[in-house]
Amino acid sequence: MVVMVGLSSNIYNRMYHPNQIKEETQVIYQDRSIDFRILDKELLDHKDLYEQIKHTGGLLNLKPGKICHIRLYTSTAGIKIDGYELEEVNAAFLNGDTPFVILENSGKFAAGNVNYLTFECIEITNSIGVKSTEVKVKINVLQEKAMGHGSGMTDWAPNTYYAVNDDIIGPDKRLYNCIIAHTSAAEFEENYWQRQGSVDESDLLDFERGLGLVD
């Protein structure tokens, strides 16, 4: 496939010749902010982090011809790609500051949602024959379903300040998003919240198992 782009831009003519594409799928139950980036085995901090928590820290074992799929059970902690907020990634790509480019993003990163991220690593050749690596990213929401856990989202508590868009698990075990900033009273006041979904004991147990909190 050849994409013809004016040479005055930072994107050159790109040629892609797939060669035995390899794919893998990983699952992450998010309990911290995640910065997705390419694993560099020459960097000691990358190597140590990957040995400790593998892909869950956002390090992607990518090379040209490989596709990595991530099924992400999202918390409120947020994600970045190569150090950039999602809305900043493509501008950084056009400036030549990152190999990542987001081609599709229908993701919804509210707590409890399940998002599916695909990272496809390719080798490209520009118009003067220089090769480089590019990572094409697609993000889609798979399921909008509450799956709360203690690290990324907390249970509602009295006498606590909540800002707009804060997510909590209410006393009825449902996921709520704050629509009016307030300090909570002794009892839960639903008019400050918008209900997002429900959580049952099975969902919570599966989530905690994924985090290694229970056997």
C-alpha atoms as a PDB file:
ATOM      1  CA  MET A   1       0.000   0.000   0.000  1.00  0.00           C
ATOM      2  CA  VAL A   2       1.362   3.423  -0.960  1.00  0.00           C
ATOM      3  CA  VAL A   3      -0.008   6.656   0.461  1.00  0.00           C
ATOM      4  CA  MET A   4       0.969   9.715  -1.569  1.00  0.00           C
ATOM      5  CA  VAL A   5       1.480  12.794   0.575  1.00  0.00           C
ATOM      6  CA  GLY A   6       3.055  16.138  -0.336  1.00  0.00           C
ATOM      7  CA  LEU A   7       6.778  16.211   0.455  1.00  0.00           C
ATOM      8  CA  SER A   8       6.371  19.566   2.212  1.00  0.00           C
ATOM      9  CA  SER A   9       4.663  17.748   5.115  1.00  0.00           C
ATOM     10  CA  ASN A  10       6.356  15.595   7.717  1.00  0.00           C
ATOM     11  CA  ILE A  11       4.798  12.439   6.269  1.00  0.00           C
ATOM     12  CA  TYR A  12       6.540  10.892   3.288  1.00  0.00           C
ATOM     13  CA  ASN A  13       5.415   8.357   0.731  1.00  0.00           C
ATOM     14  CA  ARG A  14       4.849   5.217   2.772  1.00  0.00           C
ATOM     15  CA  MET A  15       5.352   1.687   1.528  1.00  0.00           C
ATOM     16  CA  TYR A  16       4.215  -1.249   3.640  1.00  0.00           C
ATOM     17  CA  HIS A  17       4.938  -4.862   2.791  1.00  0.00           C
ATOM     18  CA  PRO A  18       3.463  -7.196   5.443  1.00  0.00           C
ATOM     19  CA  ASN A  19       5.635 -10.182   6.244  1.00  0.00           C
ATOM     20  CA  GLN A  20       4.073 -12.894   8.394  1.00  0.00           C
ATOM     21  CA  ILE A  21       2.075 -10.713  10.767  1.00  0.00           C
ATOM     22  CA  LYS A  22       2.191 -11.994  14.353  1.00  0.00           C
ATOM     23  CA  GLU A  23      -0.569 -11.147  16.803  1.00  0.00           C
ATOM     24  CA  GLU A  24      -1.081 -11.429  20.537  1.00  0.00           C
ATOM     25  CA  THR A  25      -3.880 -10.413  22.879  1.00  0.00           C
ATOM     26  CA  GLN A  26      -3.354  -9.229  26.447  1.00  0.00           C
ATOM     27  CA  VAL A  27      -5.790  -8.309  29.215  1.00  0.00           C
ATOM     28  CA  ILE A  28      -5.259  -5.441  31.651  1.00  0.00           C
ATOM     29  CA  TYR A  29      -7.365  -4.752  34.726  1.00  0.00           C
ATOM     30  CA  GLN A  30      -6.371  -1.130  35.229  1.00  0.00           C
ATOM     31  CA  ASP A  31      -5.285  -0.201  38.730  1.00  0.00           C
ATOM     32  CA  ARG A  32      -3.001   2.732  37.849  1.00  0.00           C
ATOM     33  CA  SER A  33      -2.428   5.271  35.089  1.00  0.00           C
ATOM     34  CA  ILE A  34      -0.986   3.578  32.010  1.00  0.00           C
ATOM     35  CA  ASP A  35       1.421   4.974  29.430  1.00  0.00           C
ATOM     36  CA  PHE A  36       1.476   2.682  26.394  1.00  0.00           C
ATOM     37  CA  ARG A  37       4.885   2.720  24.703  1.00  0.00           C
ATOM     38  CA  ILE A  38       7.270   0.399  22.895  1.00  0.00           C
ATOM     39  CA  LEU A  39       9.375  -1.815  25.150  1.00  0.00           C
ATOM     40  CA  ASP A  40      13.067  -0.975  24.781  1.00  0.00           C
ATOM     41  CA  LYS A  41      14.987  -3.929  26.209  1.00  0.00           C
ATOM     42  CA  GLU A  42      18.183  -1.868  26.222  1.00  0.00           C
ATOM     43  CA  LEU A  43      16.730   0.454  28.873  1.00  0.00           C
ATOM     44  CA  LEU A  44      17.184  -0.933  32.372  1.00  0.00           C
ATOM     45  CA  ASP A  45      14.036   0.706  33.777  1.00  0.00           C
ATOM     46  CA  HIS A  46      11.959  -0.733  30.907  1.00  0.00           C
ATOM     47  CA  LYS A  47      13.455  -4.171  31.417  1.00  0.00           C
ATOM     48  CA  ASP A  48      12.911  -4.150  35.182  1.00  0.00           C
ATOM     49  CA  LEU A  49       9.349  -2.862  34.900  1.00  0.00           C
ATOM     50  CA  TYR A  50       8.447  -5.416  32.225  1.00  0.00           C
ATOM     51  CA  GLU A  51       9.869  -8.266  34.305  1.00  0.00           C
ATOM     52  CA  GLN A  52       7.812  -7.123  37.299  1.00  0.00           C
ATOM     53  CA  ILE A  53       4.388  -6.409  35.787  1.00  0.00           C
ATOM     54  CA  LYS A  54       4.731  -7.371  32.098  1.00  0.00           C
ATOM     55  CA  HIS A  55       2.386  -5.541  29.723  1.00  0.00           C
ATOM     56  CA  THR A  56       0.181  -4.148  32.506  1.00  0.00           C
ATOM     57  CA  GLY A  57       2.545  -1.171  32.872  1.00  0.00           C
ATOM     58  CA  GLY A  58       1.897  -0.212  29.240  1.00  0.00           C
ATOM     59  CA  LEU A  59       5.140  -1.550  27.771  1.00  0.00           C
ATOM     60  CA  LEU A  60       4.367  -3.136  24.396  1.00  0.00           C
ATOM     61  CA  ASN A  61       6.688  -5.841  23.086  1.00  0.00           C
ATOM     62  CA  LEU A  62       6.353  -4.631  19.511  1.00  0.00           C
ATOM     63  CA  LYS A  63       8.453  -4.911  16.388  1.00  0.00           C
ATOM     64  CA  PRO A  64       7.590  -4.520  12.699  1.00  0.00           C
ATOM     65  CA  GLY A  65       5.127  -7.177  11.601  1.00  0.00           C
ATOM     66  CA  LYS A  66       3.548  -7.603  15.039  1.00  0.00           C
ATOM     67  CA  ILE A  67       0.094  -6.622  16.299  1.00  0.00           C
ATOM     68  CA  CYS A  68      -0.743  -6.327  19.986  1.00  0.00           C
ATOM     69  CA  HIS A  69      -4.367  -6.300  21.139  1.00  0.00           C
ATOM     70  CA  ILE A  70      -5.172  -5.003  24.628  1.00  0.00           C
ATOM     71  CA  ARG A  71      -8.510  -5.660  26.323  1.00  0.00           C
ATOM     72  CA  LEU A  72      -8.568  -2.940  28.948  1.00  0.00           C
ATOM     73  CA  TYR A  73     -10.916  -2.999  31.938  1.00  0.00           C
ATOM     74  CA  THR A  74     -10.821   0.728  32.554  1.00  0.00           C
ATOM     75  CA  SER A  75     -10.574   2.631  35.836  1.00  0.00           C
ATOM     76  CA  THR A  76     -10.531   6.397  36.383  1.00  0.00           C
ATOM     77  CA  ALA A  77      -6.714   6.484  36.360  1.00  0.00           C
ATOM     78  CA  GLY A  78      -6.449   7.418  32.666  1.00  0.00           C
ATOM     79  CA  ILE A  79      -4.128   6.392  29.846  1.00  0.00           C
ATOM     80  CA  LYS A  80      -1.459   7.987  27.692  1.00  0.00           C
ATOM     81  CA  ILE A  81       0.401   6.852  24.598  1.00  0.00           C
ATOM     82  CA  ASP A  82       4.167   7.436  24.475  1.00  0.00           C
ATOM     83  CA  GLY A  83       3.823  10.107  27.146  1.00  0.00           C
ATOM     84  CA  TYR A  84       1.065  12.030  25.346  1.00  0.00           C
ATOM     85  CA  GLU A  85      -2.592  12.512  26.135  1.00  0.00           C
ATOM     86  CA  LEU A  86      -4.721  10.792  23.490  1.00  0.00           C
ATOM     87  CA  GLU A  87      -5.739  14.085  21.869  1.00  0.00           C
ATOM     88  CA  GLU A  88      -2.048  15.067  21.558  1.00  0.00           C
ATOM     89  CA  VAL A  89      -0.751  11.882  19.928  1.00  0.00           C
ATOM     90  CA  ASN A  90      -1.409  12.652  16.264  1.00  0.00           C
ATOM     91  CA  ALA A  91       0.064  16.139  16.465  1.00  0.00           C
ATOM     92  CA  ALA A  92       3.191  14.638  18.026  1.00  0.00           C
ATOM     93  CA  PHE A  93       3.267  12.021  15.259  1.00  0.00           C
ATOM     94  CA  LEU A  94       3.104  14.685  12.543  1.00  0.00           C
ATOM     95  CA  ASN A  95       5.963  16.516  14.255  1.00  0.00           C
ATOM     96  CA  GLY A  96       8.033  13.344  14.225  1.00  0.00           C
ATOM     97  CA  ASP A  97       8.050  13.074  18.024  1.00  0.00           C
ATOM     98  CA  THR A  98       6.379   9.649  18.320  1.00  0.00           C
ATOM     99  CA  PRO A  99       5.896   6.591  16.094  1.00  0.00           C
ATOM    100  CA  PHE A 100       2.306   6.191  17.331  1.00  0.00           C
ATOM    101  CA  VAL A 101      -0.611   7.433  15.234  1.00  0.00           C
ATOM    102  CA  ILE A 102      -4.265   7.012  16.230  1.00  0.00           C
ATOM    103  CA  LEU A 103      -6.334   6.004  13.218  1.00  0.00           C
ATOM    104  CA  GLU A 104      -9.555   5.343  15.101  1.00  0.00           C
ATOM    105  CA  ASN A 105     -10.782   6.250  18.563  1.00  0.00           C
ATOM    106  CA  SER A 106     -14.283   5.468  19.760  1.00  0.00           C
ATOM    107  CA  GLY A 107     -13.019   4.525  23.204  1.00  0.00           C
ATOM    108  CA  LYS A 108     -14.821   5.520  26.371  1.00  0.00           C
ATOM    109  CA  PHE A 109     -12.493   5.594  29.341  1.00  0.00           C
ATOM    110  CA  ALA A 110     -14.995   5.979  32.143  1.00  0.00           C
ATOM    111  CA  ALA A 111     -14.546   3.659  35.094  1.00  0.00           C
ATOM    112  CA  GLY A 112     -15.985   0.213  34.517  1.00  0.00           C
ATOM    113  CA  ASN A 113     -15.909   0.292  30.705  1.00  0.00           C
ATOM    114  CA  VAL A 114     -14.124  -2.334  28.651  1.00  0.00           C
ATOM    115  CA  ASN A 115     -12.033  -0.895  25.817  1.00  0.00           C
ATOM    116  CA  TYR A 116     -10.183  -2.734  23.072  1.00  0.00           C
ATOM    117  CA  LEU A 117      -6.910  -1.240  21.850  1.00  0.00           C
ATOM    118  CA  THR A 118      -4.999  -2.485  18.817  1.00  0.00           C
ATOM    119  CA  PHE A 119      -1.355  -1.546  18.202  1.00  0.00           C
ATOM    120  CA  GLU A 120      -0.007  -2.568  14.784  1.00  0.00           C
ATOM    121  CA  CYS A 121       3.716  -2.067  14.292  1.00  0.00           C
ATOM    122  CA  ILE A 122       4.986  -1.664  10.741  1.00  0.00           C
ATOM    123  CA  GLU A 123       8.176  -0.652   9.009  1.00  0.00           C
ATOM    124  CA  ILE A 124       7.846   2.191   6.538  1.00  0.00           C
ATOM    125  CA  THR A 125      10.180   3.589   3.912  1.00  0.00           C
ATOM    126  CA  ASN A 126      10.073   7.255   3.020  1.00  0.00           C
ATOM    127  CA  SER A 127      10.650   8.766  -0.424  1.00  0.00           C
ATOM    128  CA  ILE A 128      14.442   8.782  -0.025  1.00  0.00           C
ATOM    129  CA  GLY A 129      14.691   5.203   1.196  1.00  0.00           C
ATOM    130  CA  VAL A 130      15.033   5.802   4.940  1.00  0.00           C
ATOM    131  CA  LYS A 131      13.262   3.176   7.055  1.00  0.00           C
ATOM    132  CA  SER A 132      11.480   3.802  10.336  1.00  0.00           C
ATOM    133  CA  THR A 133       8.913   2.201  12.623  1.00  0.00           C
ATOM    134  CA  GLU A 134       5.296   3.277  12.861  1.00  0.00           C
ATOM    135  CA  VAL A 135       2.587   2.054  15.250  1.00  0.00           C
ATOM    136  CA  LYS A 136      -1.007   2.339  14.058  1.00  0.00           C
ATOM    137  CA  VAL A 137      -3.514   2.540  16.924  1.00  0.00           C
ATOM    138  CA  LYS A 138      -7.222   1.760  16.966  1.00  0.00           C
ATOM    139  CA  ILE A 139      -9.338   2.192  20.097  1.00  0.00           C
ATOM    140  CA  ASN A 140     -12.909   0.949  20.505  1.00  0.00           C
ATOM    141  CA  VAL A 141     -15.250   0.566  23.452  1.00  0.00           C
ATOM    142  CA  LEU A 142     -16.413  -3.049  23.804  1.00  0.00           C
ATOM    143  CA  GLN A 143     -18.724  -2.763  26.744  1.00  0.00           C
ATOM    144  CA  GLU A 144     -20.009  -0.063  29.047  1.00  0.00           C
ATOM    145  CA  LYS A 145     -20.350  -1.995  32.265  1.00  0.00           C
ATOM    146  CA  ALA A 146     -19.430  -1.177  35.830  1.00  0.00           C
ATOM    147  CA  MET A 147     -16.631  -3.305  37.258  1.00  0.00           C
ATOM    148  CA  GLY A 148     -15.389  -1.237  40.186  1.00  0.00           C
ATOM    149  CA  HIS A 149     -12.315  -1.907  42.289  1.00  0.00           C
ATOM    150  CA  GLY A 150     -10.649  -0.210  45.208  1.00  0.00           C
ATOM    151  CA  SER A 151      -7.631   1.259  43.414  1.00  0.00           C
ATOM    152  CA  GLY A 152      -9.124   3.185  40.519  1.00  0.00           C
ATOM    153  CA  MET A 153     -12.591   3.890  41.925  1.00  0.00           C
ATOM    154  CA  THR A 154     -13.719   4.085  45.529  1.00  0.00           C
ATOM    155  CA  ASP A 155     -16.924   3.355  47.393  1.00  0.00           C
ATOM    156  CA  TRP A 156     -19.060   6.379  48.215  1.00  0.00           C
ATOM    157  CA  ALA A 157     -18.242   7.900  51.599  1.00  0.00           C
ATOM    158  CA  PRO A 158     -19.947  10.590  53.735  1.00  0.00           C
ATOM    159  CA  ASN A 159     -18.323  13.963  54.412  1.00  0.00           C
ATOM    160  CA  THR A 160     -16.248  13.716  51.227  1.00  0.00           C
ATOM    161  CA  TYR A 161     -15.856  16.300  48.463  1.00  0.00           C
ATOM    162  CA  TYR A 162     -16.758  15.035  44.974  1.00  0.00           C
ATOM    163  CA  ALA A 163     -16.002  16.941  41.776  1.00  0.00           C
ATOM    164  CA  VAL A 164     -17.963  16.708  38.528  1.00  0.00           C
ATOM    165  CA  ASN A 165     -17.097  13.481  36.625  1.00  0.00           C
ATOM    166  CA  ASP A 166     -15.859  11.655  39.725  1.00  0.00           C
ATOM    167  CA  ASP A 167     -16.906   7.989  39.651  1.00  0.00           C
ATOM    168  CA  ILE A 168     -17.915   5.983  42.696  1.00  0.00           C
ATOM    169  CA  ILE A 169     -19.614   2.753  43.675  1.00  0.00           C
ATOM    170  CA  GLY A 170     -22.798   3.724  45.506  1.00  0.00           C
ATOM    171  CA  PRO A 171     -24.301   2.029  48.561  1.00  0.00           C
ATOM    172  CA  ASP A 172     -26.507  -0.004  46.188  1.00  0.00           C
ATOM    173  CA  LYS A 173     -23.394  -1.360  44.387  1.00  0.00           C
ATOM    174  CA  ARG A 174     -24.098   0.664  41.256  1.00  0.00           C
ATOM    175  CA  LEU A 175     -21.629   2.871  39.418  1.00  0.00           C
ATOM    176  CA  TYR A 176     -22.366   6.608  39.645  1.00  0.00           C
ATOM    177  CA  ASN A 177     -20.828   9.626  37.939  1.00  0.00           C
ATOM    178  CA  CYS A 178     -20.926  12.959  39.763  1.00  0.00           C
ATOM    179  CA  ILE A 179     -22.918  15.621  37.875  1.00  0.00           C
ATOM    180  CA  ILE A 180     -22.919  18.314  40.583  1.00  0.00           C
ATOM    181  CA  ALA A 181     -19.866  19.101  42.709  1.00  0.00           C
ATOM    182  CA  HIS A 182     -20.634  18.742  46.391  1.00  0.00           C
ATOM    183  CA  THR A 183     -19.549  17.506  49.791  1.00  0.00           C
ATOM    184  CA  SER A 184     -21.456  14.367  50.675  1.00  0.00           C
ATOM    185  CA  ALA A 185     -23.860  14.285  53.590  1.00  0.00           C
ATOM    186  CA  ALA A 186     -24.370  11.457  56.068  1.00  0.00           C
ATOM    187  CA  GLU A 187     -26.631   9.655  53.595  1.00  0.00           C
ATOM    188  CA  PHE A 188     -26.209   9.119  49.840  1.00  0.00           C
ATOM    189  CA  GLU A 189     -28.051  11.773  47.789  1.00  0.00           C
ATOM    190  CA  GLU A 190     -28.741  10.409  44.329  1.00  0.00           C
ATOM    191  CA  ASN A 191     -29.693  13.782  42.803  1.00  0.00           C
ATOM    192  CA  TYR A 192     -25.975  14.715  42.702  1.00  0.00           C
ATOM    193  CA  TRP A 193     -25.174  11.636  40.638  1.00  0.00           C
ATOM    194  CA  GLN A 194     -25.969   9.969  37.341  1.00  0.00           C
ATOM    195  CA  ARG A 195     -26.203   6.204  37.448  1.00  0.00           C
ATOM    196  CA  GLN A 196     -23.925   4.494  34.922  1.00  0.00           C
ATOM    197  CA  GLY A 197     -24.553   0.812  35.370  1.00  0.00           C
ATOM    198  CA  SER A 198     -24.679  -1.970  37.913  1.00  0.00           C
ATOM    199  CA  VAL A 199     -22.153  -4.172  39.640  1.00  0.00           C
ATOM    200  CA  ASP A 200     -22.942  -7.637  40.924  1.00  0.00           C
ATOM    201  CA  GLU A 201     -20.849  -9.847  43.173  1.00  0.00           C
ATOM    202  CA  SER A 202     -19.705 -12.017  40.245  1.00  0.00           C
ATOM    203  CA  ASP A 203     -18.313  -9.004  38.373  1.00  0.00           C
ATOM    204  CA  LEU A 204     -16.464  -7.777  41.447  1.00  0.00           C
ATOM    205  CA  LEU A 205     -14.976 -11.185  42.140  1.00  0.00           C
ATOM    206  CA  ASP A 206     -13.768 -11.613  38.550  1.00  0.00           C
ATOM    207  CA  PHE A 207     -12.206  -8.148  38.634  1.00  0.00           C
ATOM    208  CA  GLU A 208     -10.415  -8.795  41.934  1.00  0.00           C
ATOM    209  CA  ARG A 209      -9.118 -12.118  40.619  1.00  0.00           C
ATOM    210  CA  GLY A 210      -7.685 -10.304  37.621  1.00  0.00           C
ATOM    211  CA  LEU A 211      -5.871  -7.930  39.970  1.00  0.00           C
ATOM    212  CA  GLY A 212      -4.583 -10.869  42.014  1.00  0.00           C
ATOM    213  CA  LEU A 213      -6.403  -9.668  45.115  1.00  0.00           C
ATOM    214  CA  VAL A 214      -8.225 -12.969  45.661  1.00  0.00           C
ATOM    215  CA  ASP A 215      -7.615 -16.585  44.657  1.00  0.00           C
END
